[in-house]
PDB file of N, CA and C in Angstrom:
ATOM      1  N   UNK A   1     -21.982   6.472 -21.538  1.00  0.00           N
ATOM      2  CA  UNK A   1     -21.729   6.646 -20.128  1.00  0.00           C
ATOM      3  C   UNK A   1     -20.239   6.956 -19.941  1.00  0.00           C
ATOM      4  N   UNK A   2     -19.906   8.019 -19.198  1.00  0.00           N
ATOM      5  CA  UNK A   2     -18.493   8.368 -18.994  1.00  0.00           C
ATOM      6  C   UNK A   2     -17.795   7.319 -18.135  1.00  0.00           C
ATOM      7  N   UNK A   3     -16.501   7.176 -18.382  1.00  0.00           N
ATOM      8  CA  UNK A   3     -15.700   6.236 -17.599  1.00  0.00           C
ATOM      9  C   UNK A   3     -15.028   6.970 -16.448  1.00  0.00           C
ATOM     10  N   UNK A   4     -14.920   6.295 -15.347  1.00  0.00           N
ATOM     11  CA  UNK A   4     -14.250   6.836 -14.174  1.00  0.00           C
ATOM     12  C   UNK A   4     -12.895   6.153 -14.044  1.00  0.00           C
ATOM     13  N   UNK A   5     -11.857   6.938 -13.969  1.00  0.00           N
ATOM     14  CA  UNK A   5     -10.516   6.390 -13.785  1.00  0.00           C
ATOM     15  C   UNK A   5     -10.002   6.803 -12.415  1.00  0.00           C
ATOM     16  N   UNK A   6      -9.608   5.831 -11.653  1.00  0.00           N
ATOM     17  CA  UNK A   6      -9.081   6.062 -10.315  1.00  0.00           C
ATOM     18  C   UNK A   6      -7.674   5.486 -10.264  1.00  0.00           C
ATOM     19  N   UNK A   7      -6.748   6.241  -9.716  1.00  0.00           N
ATOM     20  CA  UNK A   7      -5.373   5.776  -9.586  1.00  0.00           C
ATOM     21  C   UNK A   7      -5.110   5.455  -8.119  1.00  0.00           C
ATOM     22  N   UNK A   8      -4.877   4.175  -7.860  1.00  0.00           N
ATOM     23  CA  UNK A   8      -4.534   3.733  -6.516  1.00  0.00           C
ATOM     24  C   UNK A   8      -3.045   3.440  -6.464  1.00  0.00           C
ATOM     25  N   UNK A   9      -2.434   3.746  -5.370  1.00  0.00           N
ATOM     26  CA  UNK A   9      -1.012   3.462  -5.219  1.00  0.00           C
ATOM     27  C   UNK A   9      -0.703   3.055  -3.795  1.00  0.00           C
ATOM     28  N   UNK A  10       0.448   2.477  -3.630  1.00  0.00           N
ATOM     29  CA  UNK A  10       0.897   2.088  -2.304  1.00  0.00           C
ATOM     30  C   UNK A  10       2.402   2.220  -2.220  1.00  0.00           C
ATOM     31  N   UNK A  11       2.873   2.640  -1.080  1.00  0.00           N
ATOM     32  CA  UNK A  11       4.310   2.816  -0.895  1.00  0.00           C
ATOM     33  C   UNK A  11       4.683   2.410   0.523  1.00  0.00           C
ATOM     34  N   UNK A  12       5.706   1.587   0.633  1.00  0.00           N
ATOM     35  CA  UNK A  12       6.200   1.198   1.951  1.00  0.00           C
ATOM     36  C   UNK A  12       6.876   2.413   2.572  1.00  0.00           C
ATOM     37  N   UNK A  13       6.426   2.777   3.762  1.00  0.00           N
ATOM     38  CA  UNK A  13       7.020   3.938   4.418  1.00  0.00           C
ATOM     39  C   UNK A  13       7.902   3.554   5.599  1.00  0.00           C
ATOM     40  N   UNK A  14       7.754   2.322   6.081  1.00  0.00           N
ATOM     41  CA  UNK A  14       8.561   1.904   7.223  1.00  0.00           C
ATOM     42  C   UNK A  14       8.517   0.387   7.354  1.00  0.00           C
ATOM     43  N   UNK A  15       9.648  -0.200   7.708  1.00  0.00           N
ATOM     44  CA  UNK A  15       9.734  -1.627   8.039  1.00  0.00           C
ATOM     45  C   UNK A  15      10.505  -1.737   9.345  1.00  0.00           C
ATOM     46  N   UNK A  16       9.884  -2.368  10.347  1.00  0.00           N
ATOM     47  CA  UNK A  16      10.608  -2.617  11.595  1.00  0.00           C
ATOM     48  C   UNK A  16       9.899  -3.701  12.390  1.00  0.00           C
ATOM     49  N   UNK A  17      10.673  -4.433  13.156  1.00  0.00           N
ATOM     50  CA  UNK A  17      10.150  -5.503  14.018  1.00  0.00           C
ATOM     51  C   UNK A  17       9.242  -6.472  13.272  1.00  0.00           C
ATOM     52  N   UNK A  18       9.560  -6.755  12.007  1.00  0.00           N
ATOM     53  CA  UNK A  18       8.776  -7.710  11.233  1.00  0.00           C
ATOM     54  C   UNK A  18       7.462  -7.168  10.704  1.00  0.00           C
ATOM     55  N   UNK A  19       7.246  -5.857  10.839  1.00  0.00           N
ATOM     56  CA  UNK A  19       6.004  -5.242  10.364  1.00  0.00           C
ATOM     57  C   UNK A  19       6.315  -4.242   9.256  1.00  0.00           C
ATOM     58  N   UNK A  20       5.356  -4.076   8.349  1.00  0.00           N
ATOM     59  CA  UNK A  20       5.504  -3.150   7.230  1.00  0.00           C
ATOM     60  C   UNK A  20       4.375  -2.127   7.306  1.00  0.00           C
ATOM     61  N   UNK A  21       4.730  -0.838   7.278  1.00  0.00           N
ATOM     62  CA  UNK A  21       3.746   0.242   7.235  1.00  0.00           C
ATOM     63  C   UNK A  21       3.630   0.683   5.775  1.00  0.00           C
ATOM     64  N   UNK A  22       2.418   0.674   5.254  1.00  0.00           N
ATOM     65  CA  UNK A  22       2.190   1.002   3.850  1.00  0.00           C
ATOM     66  C   UNK A  22       1.234   2.190   3.757  1.00  0.00           C
ATOM     67  N   UNK A  23       1.640   3.209   2.999  1.00  0.00           N
ATOM     68  CA  UNK A  23       0.769   4.356   2.738  1.00  0.00           C
ATOM     69  C   UNK A  23       0.003   4.071   1.449  1.00  0.00           C
ATOM     70  N   UNK A  24      -1.305   4.216   1.503  1.00  0.00           N
ATOM     71  CA  UNK A  24      -2.156   4.002   0.338  1.00  0.00           C
ATOM     72  C   UNK A  24      -2.624   5.358  -0.171  1.00  0.00           C
ATOM     73  N   UNK A  25      -2.453   5.585  -1.473  1.00  0.00           N
ATOM     74  CA  UNK A  25      -2.903   6.843  -2.065  1.00  0.00           C
ATOM     75  C   UNK A  25      -4.075   6.593  -3.003  1.00  0.00           C
ATOM     76  N   UNK A  26      -4.933   7.576  -3.090  1.00  0.00           N
ATOM     77  CA  UNK A  26      -6.120   7.542  -3.939  1.00  0.00           C
ATOM     78  C   UNK A  26      -6.087   8.812  -4.769  1.00  0.00           C
ATOM     79  N   UNK A  27      -5.870   8.660  -6.069  1.00  0.00           N
ATOM     80  CA  UNK A  27      -5.721   9.806  -6.977  1.00  0.00           C
ATOM     81  C   UNK A  27      -4.659  10.793  -6.484  1.00  0.00           C
ATOM     82  N   UNK A  28      -3.563  10.259  -5.951  1.00  0.00           N
ATOM     83  CA  UNK A  28      -2.439  11.091  -5.544  1.00  0.00           C
ATOM     84  C   UNK A  28      -2.498  11.639  -4.131  1.00  0.00           C
ATOM     85  N   UNK A  29      -3.620  11.442  -3.430  1.00  0.00           N
ATOM     86  CA  UNK A  29      -3.747  11.938  -2.060  1.00  0.00           C
ATOM     87  C   UNK A  29      -3.702  10.772  -1.080  1.00  0.00           C
ATOM     88  N   UNK A  30      -3.095  11.008   0.075  1.00  0.00           N
ATOM     89  CA  UNK A  30      -3.020   9.962   1.085  1.00  0.00           C
ATOM     90  C   UNK A  30      -4.419   9.545   1.507  1.00  0.00           C
ATOM     91  N   UNK A  31      -4.686   8.258   1.418  1.00  0.00           N
ATOM     92  CA  UNK A  31      -5.986   7.728   1.798  1.00  0.00           C
ATOM     93  C   UNK A  31      -5.926   7.073   3.173  1.00  0.00           C
ATOM     94  N   UNK A  32      -4.914   6.253   3.379  1.00  0.00           N
ATOM     95  CA  UNK A  32      -4.772   5.589   4.670  1.00  0.00           C
ATOM     96  C   UNK A  32      -3.377   5.008   4.805  1.00  0.00           C
ATOM     97  N   UNK A  33      -3.082   4.599   6.008  1.00  0.00           N
ATOM     98  CA  UNK A  33      -1.839   3.898   6.295  1.00  0.00           C
ATOM     99  C   UNK A  33      -2.233   2.614   7.008  1.00  0.00           C
ATOM    100  N   UNK A  34      -1.696   1.495   6.533  1.00  0.00           N
ATOM    101  CA  UNK A  34      -1.988   0.256   7.225  1.00  0.00           C
ATOM    102  C   UNK A  34      -0.703  -0.481   7.537  1.00  0.00           C
ATOM    103  N   UNK A  35      -0.803  -1.395   8.506  1.00  0.00           N
ATOM    104  CA  UNK A  35       0.352  -2.142   8.986  1.00  0.00           C
ATOM    105  C   UNK A  35       0.057  -3.625   8.826  1.00  0.00           C
ATOM    106  N   UNK A  36       0.977  -4.333   8.189  1.00  0.00           N
ATOM    107  CA  UNK A  36       0.844  -5.781   8.015  1.00  0.00           C
ATOM    108  C   UNK A  36       2.172  -6.431   8.376  1.00  0.00           C
ATOM    109  N   UNK A  37       2.125  -7.720   8.626  1.00  0.00           N
ATOM    110  CA  UNK A  37       3.379  -8.424   8.891  1.00  0.00           C
ATOM    111  C   UNK A  37       4.193  -8.468   7.606  1.00  0.00           C
ATOM    112  N   UNK A  38       5.504  -8.521   7.759  1.00  0.00           N
ATOM    113  CA  UNK A  38       6.375  -8.563   6.590  1.00  0.00           C
ATOM    114  C   UNK A  38       6.096  -9.816   5.760  1.00  0.00           C
ATOM    115  N   UNK A  39       5.793 -10.934   6.423  1.00  0.00           N
ATOM    116  CA  UNK A  39       5.486 -12.180   5.709  1.00  0.00           C
ATOM    117  C   UNK A  39       4.229 -12.027   4.857  1.00  0.00           C
ATOM    118  N   UNK A  40       3.187 -11.403   5.409  1.00  0.00           N
ATOM    119  CA  UNK A  40       1.958 -11.187   4.634  1.00  0.00           C
ATOM    120  C   UNK A  40       2.202 -10.232   3.476  1.00  0.00           C
ATOM    121  N   UNK A  41       2.984  -9.181   3.725  1.00  0.00           N
ATOM    122  CA  UNK A  41       3.286  -8.225   2.661  1.00  0.00           C
ATOM    123  C   UNK A  41       4.012  -8.918   1.515  1.00  0.00           C
ATOM    124  N   UNK A  42       5.019  -9.739   1.832  1.00  0.00           N
ATOM    125  CA  UNK A  42       5.775 -10.451   0.798  1.00  0.00           C
ATOM    126  C   UNK A  42       4.894 -11.452   0.058  1.00  0.00           C
ATOM    127  N   UNK A  43       3.917 -12.037   0.742  1.00  0.00           N
ATOM    128  CA  UNK A  43       3.005 -12.989   0.101  1.00  0.00           C
ATOM    129  C   UNK A  43       2.099 -12.275  -0.904  1.00  0.00           C
ATOM    130  N   UNK A  44       1.611 -11.096  -0.543  1.00  0.00           N
ATOM    131  CA  UNK A  44       0.703 -10.348  -1.416  1.00  0.00           C
ATOM    132  C   UNK A  44       1.472  -9.622  -2.517  1.00  0.00           C
ATOM    133  N   UNK A  45       2.635  -9.074  -2.178  1.00  0.00           N
ATOM    134  CA  UNK A  45       3.464  -8.334  -3.134  1.00  0.00           C
ATOM    135  C   UNK A  45       4.832  -9.007  -3.236  1.00  0.00           C
ATOM    136  N   UNK A  46       4.914 -10.143  -3.939  1.00  0.00           N
ATOM    137  CA  UNK A  46       6.167 -10.911  -3.960  1.00  0.00           C
ATOM    138  C   UNK A  46       7.359 -10.165  -4.544  1.00  0.00           C
ATOM    139  N   UNK A  47       7.121  -9.164  -5.378  1.00  0.00           N
ATOM    140  CA  UNK A  47       8.227  -8.399  -5.963  1.00  0.00           C
ATOM    141  C   UNK A  47       8.472  -7.105  -5.210  1.00  0.00           C
ATOM    142  N   UNK A  48       7.786  -6.947  -4.087  1.00  0.00           N
ATOM    143  CA  UNK A  48       7.891  -5.925  -3.119  1.00  0.00           C
ATOM    144  C   UNK A  48       8.198  -4.567  -3.397  1.00  0.00           C
TER     145      UNK A  48
END
Protein backbone atom coordinates (compact mmCIF):
# COMPACT_ATOMS: atom_id res chain seq x y z
CA UNK A 1 0.00 0.00 0.00
CA UNK A 2 1.49 3.40 -0.96
CA UNK A 3 2.22 5.90 1.78
CA UNK A 4 0.75 9.37 1.76
CA UNK A 5 2.97 12.18 2.95
CA UNK A 6 1.39 15.49 3.85
CA UNK A 7 3.36 18.55 4.90
CA UNK A 8 1.54 20.82 7.33
CA UNK A 9 2.97 24.14 8.38
CA UNK A 10 2.04 27.19 10.34
CA UNK A 11 3.38 30.71 10.41
CA UNK A 12 2.48 33.65 12.60
CA UNK A 13 1.42 36.45 10.29
CA UNK A 14 0.28 39.04 12.81
CA UNK A 15 0.23 39.72 16.56
CA UNK A 16 -1.84 42.55 18.00
CA UNK A 17 -4.12 43.29 20.94
CA UNK A 18 -3.18 39.99 22.59
CA UNK A 19 -4.25 37.93 19.57
CA UNK A 20 -2.16 35.87 17.16
CA UNK A 21 -3.12 35.30 13.51
CA UNK A 22 -1.65 32.06 12.18
CA UNK A 23 -1.57 30.97 8.53
CA UNK A 24 -1.83 27.20 8.11
CA UNK A 25 -0.38 25.61 4.98
CA UNK A 26 -1.15 22.20 3.52
CA UNK A 27 1.50 20.87 1.12
CA UNK A 28 2.77 24.42 0.62
CA UNK A 29 -0.60 26.03 -0.16
CA UNK A 30 -2.54 28.28 2.18
CA UNK A 31 -5.24 26.22 3.85
CA UNK A 32 -6.66 28.60 6.42
CA UNK A 33 -5.97 31.44 8.78
CA UNK A 34 -7.01 31.24 12.39
CA UNK A 35 -6.87 33.62 15.34
CA UNK A 36 -6.08 32.58 18.90
CA UNK A 37 -5.18 34.45 22.05
CA UNK A 38 -1.48 34.98 22.57
CA UNK A 39 -1.69 33.03 25.86
CA UNK A 40 -3.24 30.00 24.11
CA UNK A 41 -0.68 30.20 21.31
CA UNK A 42 2.21 30.25 23.80
CA UNK A 43 0.66 27.31 25.69
CA UNK A 44 0.39 25.18 22.54
CA UNK A 45 3.66 26.37 20.95
CA UNK A 46 5.92 27.21 23.92
CA UNK A 47 8.96 27.81 21.69
CA UNK A 48 6.83 29.99 19.45
